[in-house]
Amino acid sequence: MAKLTLEVPAEVLDAVKLPPGEVEGELLKELAVALYGRRVLPLGKARLLAQMNRWQFEQLLAERRVPRHYTETDLEDDLRYAQGRR
């Protein structure tokens, strides 16, 4: 696994109104939702960044009213795959 370290100013971390043990996980979720919403990350990679399963991440997107990026082409591809035609 590649590792990326982000430096966050102490005053920003101090201003986050969450228990210290929840800050990193919540920041990862926020980043994942923002990048997915901007179409920078696909759903599968965004949910991995958020450290959530697909169901949990889709629930989070729904709570945040972030629209799913799912086109007719995606549906056709999924249907072909489900029918055993790739």
N, C-alpha and C. Protein backbone atom coordinates (compact mmCIF):
# COMPACT_ATOMS: atom_id res chain seq x y z
N MET A 1 0.85 -1.17 0.00
CA MET A 1 0.00 0.00 0.00
C MET A 1 0.89 1.23 0.00
N ALA A 2 0.58 2.17 -0.87
CA ALA A 2 1.31 3.44 -0.89
C ALA A 2 0.85 4.29 0.29
N LYS A 3 1.73 5.14 0.72
CA LYS A 3 1.39 5.98 1.86
C LYS A 3 1.59 7.44 1.49
N LEU A 4 0.62 8.25 1.83
CA LEU A 4 0.68 9.69 1.60
C LEU A 4 0.42 10.35 2.94
N THR A 5 1.30 11.23 3.32
CA THR A 5 1.14 11.95 4.58
C THR A 5 0.73 13.38 4.28
N LEU A 6 -0.39 13.78 4.85
CA LEU A 6 -0.85 15.16 4.71
C LEU A 6 -0.55 15.91 6.01
N GLU A 7 -0.02 17.07 5.86
CA GLU A 7 0.24 17.88 7.05
C GLU A 7 -0.92 18.83 7.25
N VAL A 8 -1.50 18.76 8.43
CA VAL A 8 -2.62 19.61 8.79
C VAL A 8 -2.15 20.49 9.94
N PRO A 9 -2.30 21.78 9.82
CA PRO A 9 -1.87 22.67 10.90
C PRO A 9 -2.54 22.31 12.23
N ALA A 10 -1.79 22.39 13.29
CA ALA A 10 -2.29 22.03 14.62
C ALA A 10 -3.55 22.81 14.97
N GLU A 11 -3.59 24.09 14.60
CA GLU A 11 -4.77 24.88 14.95
C GLU A 11 -6.02 24.39 14.21
N VAL A 12 -5.84 23.80 13.04
CA VAL A 12 -6.98 23.22 12.32
C VAL A 12 -7.44 21.96 13.04
N LEU A 13 -6.51 21.08 13.38
CA LEU A 13 -6.88 19.86 14.11
C LEU A 13 -7.52 20.19 15.44
N ASP A 14 -7.01 21.20 16.13
CA ASP A 14 -7.59 21.61 17.41
C ASP A 14 -9.01 22.12 17.24
N ALA A 15 -9.32 22.69 16.07
CA ALA A 15 -10.65 23.26 15.83
C ALA A 15 -11.68 22.20 15.44
N VAL A 16 -11.24 21.00 15.07
CA VAL A 16 -12.17 19.94 14.68
C VAL A 16 -12.92 19.49 15.93
N LYS A 17 -14.23 19.56 15.85
CA LYS A 17 -15.06 19.24 17.01
C LYS A 17 -15.46 17.76 17.01
N LEU A 18 -14.45 16.93 17.11
CA LEU A 18 -14.63 15.48 17.18
C LEU A 18 -13.66 14.93 18.21
N PRO A 19 -13.98 13.78 18.80
CA PRO A 19 -13.01 13.13 19.68
C PRO A 19 -11.73 12.82 18.89
N PRO A 20 -10.58 12.96 19.51
CA PRO A 20 -9.30 12.74 18.80
C PRO A 20 -9.24 11.41 18.04
N GLY A 21 -9.82 10.37 18.55
CA GLY A 21 -9.78 9.07 17.89
C GLY A 21 -10.62 8.98 16.63
N GLU A 22 -11.47 9.97 16.38
CA GLU A 22 -12.35 9.94 15.20
C GLU A 22 -11.90 10.89 14.10
N VAL A 23 -10.96 11.75 14.37
CA VAL A 23 -10.58 12.80 13.42
C VAL A 23 -10.07 12.22 12.10
N GLU A 24 -9.12 11.31 12.14
CA GLU A 24 -8.53 10.79 10.91
C GLU A 24 -9.59 10.11 10.04
N GLY A 25 -10.42 9.26 10.63
CA GLY A 25 -11.44 8.57 9.87
C GLY A 25 -12.44 9.53 9.25
N GLU A 26 -12.83 10.54 9.97
CA GLU A 26 -13.79 11.52 9.44
C GLU A 26 -13.17 12.35 8.32
N LEU A 27 -11.91 12.71 8.46
CA LEU A 27 -11.25 13.47 7.40
C LEU A 27 -11.11 12.62 6.14
N LEU A 28 -10.84 11.33 6.29
CA LEU A 28 -10.77 10.44 5.13
C LEU A 28 -12.13 10.35 4.45
N LYS A 29 -13.19 10.25 5.23
CA LYS A 29 -14.54 10.21 4.65
C LYS A 29 -14.83 11.50 3.88
N GLU A 30 -14.51 12.63 4.49
CA GLU A 30 -14.77 13.91 3.84
C GLU A 30 -14.01 14.03 2.52
N LEU A 31 -12.76 13.60 2.53
CA LEU A 31 -11.94 13.65 1.33
C LEU A 31 -12.52 12.73 0.25
N ALA A 32 -12.91 11.53 0.66
CA ALA A 32 -13.47 10.56 -0.29
C ALA A 32 -14.76 11.09 -0.92
N VAL A 33 -15.64 11.64 -0.12
CA VAL A 33 -16.91 12.19 -0.63
C VAL A 33 -16.63 13.35 -1.58
N ALA A 34 -15.73 14.24 -1.20
CA ALA A 34 -15.41 15.40 -2.04
C ALA A 34 -14.81 14.97 -3.37
N LEU A 35 -13.88 14.04 -3.34
CA LEU A 35 -13.24 13.60 -4.59
C LEU A 35 -14.22 12.83 -5.47
N TYR A 36 -15.07 12.02 -4.86
CA TYR A 36 -16.09 11.32 -5.65
C TYR A 36 -17.06 12.33 -6.26
N GLY A 37 -17.49 13.29 -5.47
CA GLY A 37 -18.43 14.30 -5.95
C GLY A 37 -17.88 15.12 -7.11
N ARG A 38 -16.58 15.32 -7.13
CA ARG A 38 -15.92 16.05 -8.23
C ARG A 38 -15.55 15.14 -9.39
N ARG A 39 -15.89 13.86 -9.27
CA ARG A 39 -15.56 12.84 -10.29
C ARG A 39 -14.06 12.63 -10.46
N VAL A 40 -13.35 12.85 -9.37
CA VAL A 40 -11.90 12.61 -9.37
C VAL A 40 -11.61 11.15 -9.03
N LEU A 41 -12.46 10.55 -8.21
CA LEU A 41 -12.32 9.13 -7.85
C LEU A 41 -13.60 8.39 -8.18
N PRO A 42 -13.48 7.17 -8.71
CA PRO A 42 -14.68 6.36 -8.90
C PRO A 42 -15.18 5.84 -7.55
N LEU A 43 -16.41 5.34 -7.53
CA LEU A 43 -17.04 4.89 -6.30
C LEU A 43 -16.19 3.88 -5.53
N GLY A 44 -15.70 2.87 -6.21
CA GLY A 44 -14.93 1.82 -5.52
C GLY A 44 -13.69 2.35 -4.84
N LYS A 45 -12.97 3.23 -5.50
CA LYS A 45 -11.75 3.79 -4.90
C LYS A 45 -12.09 4.78 -3.80
N ALA A 46 -13.16 5.54 -3.97
CA ALA A 46 -13.57 6.49 -2.93
C ALA A 46 -13.98 5.76 -1.67
N ARG A 47 -14.70 4.66 -1.82
CA ARG A 47 -15.11 3.92 -0.62
C ARG A 47 -13.91 3.29 0.09
N LEU A 48 -12.89 2.89 -0.69
CA LEU A 48 -11.67 2.38 -0.06
C LEU A 48 -10.97 3.48 0.73
N LEU A 49 -10.90 4.68 0.15
CA LEU A 49 -10.29 5.81 0.85
C LEU A 49 -11.06 6.11 2.14
N ALA A 50 -12.38 6.02 2.08
CA ALA A 50 -13.21 6.28 3.25
C ALA A 50 -13.18 5.13 4.26
N GLN A 51 -12.56 4.03 3.87
CA GLN A 51 -12.48 2.82 4.70
C GLN A 51 -13.87 2.32 5.08
N MET A 52 -14.74 2.26 4.05
CA MET A 52 -16.12 1.82 4.23
C MET A 52 -16.44 0.76 3.18
N ASN A 53 -17.44 -0.07 3.49
CA ASN A 53 -17.89 -0.99 2.44
C ASN A 53 -18.82 -0.22 1.50
N ARG A 54 -19.19 -0.88 0.42
CA ARG A 54 -19.97 -0.17 -0.61
C ARG A 54 -21.29 0.35 -0.05
N TRP A 55 -21.98 -0.48 0.71
CA TRP A 55 -23.26 -0.09 1.28
C TRP A 55 -23.10 1.13 2.18
N GLN A 56 -22.12 1.13 3.06
CA GLN A 56 -21.89 2.25 3.97
C GLN A 56 -21.58 3.53 3.21
N PHE A 57 -20.73 3.42 2.17
CA PHE A 57 -20.34 4.61 1.43
C PHE A 57 -21.53 5.15 0.63
N GLU A 58 -22.32 4.27 0.05
CA GLU A 58 -23.49 4.74 -0.68
C GLU A 58 -24.49 5.40 0.26
N GLN A 59 -24.61 4.90 1.47
CA GLN A 59 -25.46 5.55 2.47
C GLN A 59 -24.93 6.95 2.80
N LEU A 60 -23.62 7.06 2.95
CA LEU A 60 -23.00 8.35 3.24
C LEU A 60 -23.26 9.33 2.09
N LEU A 61 -23.11 8.86 0.85
CA LEU A 61 -23.39 9.72 -0.30
C LEU A 61 -24.85 10.18 -0.29
N ALA A 62 -25.76 9.28 0.05
CA ALA A 62 -27.18 9.63 0.09
C ALA A 62 -27.44 10.67 1.18
N GLU A 63 -26.82 10.48 2.36
CA GLU A 63 -26.99 11.44 3.46
C GLU A 63 -26.49 12.83 3.06
N ARG A 64 -25.41 12.85 2.29
CA ARG A 64 -24.82 14.12 1.87
C ARG A 64 -25.44 14.66 0.58
N ARG A 65 -26.38 13.90 0.04
CA ARG A 65 -27.05 14.27 -1.22
C ARG A 65 -26.06 14.46 -2.37
N VAL A 66 -25.07 13.56 -2.40
CA VAL A 66 -24.10 13.55 -3.49
C VAL A 66 -24.64 12.60 -4.55
N PRO A 67 -24.90 13.10 -5.76
CA PRO A 67 -25.46 12.22 -6.79
C PRO A 67 -24.48 11.14 -7.22
N ARG A 68 -25.05 9.95 -7.50
CA ARG A 68 -24.25 8.85 -8.03
C ARG A 68 -23.92 9.12 -9.48
N HIS A 69 -22.73 8.76 -9.88
CA HIS A 69 -22.31 8.88 -11.28
C HIS A 69 -22.52 7.53 -11.93
N TYR A 70 -23.69 7.33 -12.48
CA TYR A 70 -24.03 6.05 -13.08
C TYR A 70 -24.79 6.33 -14.37
N THR A 71 -24.16 6.02 -15.48
CA THR A 71 -24.74 6.35 -16.77
C THR A 71 -25.47 5.16 -17.37
N GLU A 72 -26.16 5.41 -18.47
CA GLU A 72 -26.81 4.32 -19.19
C GLU A 72 -25.77 3.31 -19.68
N THR A 73 -24.61 3.79 -20.07
CA THR A 73 -23.54 2.90 -20.51
C THR A 73 -23.10 2.00 -19.36
N ASP A 74 -22.99 2.57 -18.14
CA ASP A 74 -22.64 1.76 -16.97
C ASP A 74 -23.68 0.67 -16.75
N LEU A 75 -24.96 1.02 -16.88
CA LEU A 75 -26.03 0.05 -16.71
C LEU A 75 -25.94 -1.05 -17.76
N GLU A 76 -25.72 -0.68 -19.01
CA GLU A 76 -25.59 -1.67 -20.06
C GLU A 76 -24.41 -2.61 -19.80
N ASP A 77 -23.29 -2.05 -19.36
CA ASP A 77 -22.12 -2.87 -19.03
C ASP A 77 -22.44 -3.83 -17.89
N ASP A 78 -23.14 -3.34 -16.86
CA ASP A 78 -23.49 -4.18 -15.72
C ASP A 78 -24.44 -5.31 -16.14
N LEU A 79 -25.40 -4.97 -17.00
CA LEU A 79 -26.34 -5.99 -17.47
C LEU A 79 -25.63 -7.05 -18.30
N ARG A 80 -24.73 -6.63 -19.18
CA ARG A 80 -23.95 -7.59 -19.98
C ARG A 80 -23.13 -8.50 -19.07
N TYR A 81 -22.50 -7.91 -18.07
CA TYR A 81 -21.68 -8.69 -17.14
C TYR A 81 -22.56 -9.70 -16.38
N ALA A 82 -23.73 -9.24 -15.92
CA ALA A 82 -24.62 -10.12 -15.17
C ALA A 82 -25.14 -11.27 -16.02
N GLN A 83 -25.25 -11.05 -17.32
CA GLN A 83 -25.73 -12.09 -18.23
C GLN A 83 -24.60 -12.96 -18.75
N GLY A 84 -23.39 -12.71 -18.27
CA GLY A 84 -22.25 -13.52 -18.68
C GLY A 84 -21.63 -13.09 -20.00
N ARG A 85 -22.04 -11.95 -20.51
CA ARG A 85 -21.46 -11.42 -21.75
C ARG A 85 -20.58 -10.24 -21.38
N ARG A 86 -19.32 -10.32 -21.70
CA ARG A 86 -18.41 -9.23 -21.32
C ARG A 86 -18.11 -8.37 -22.45
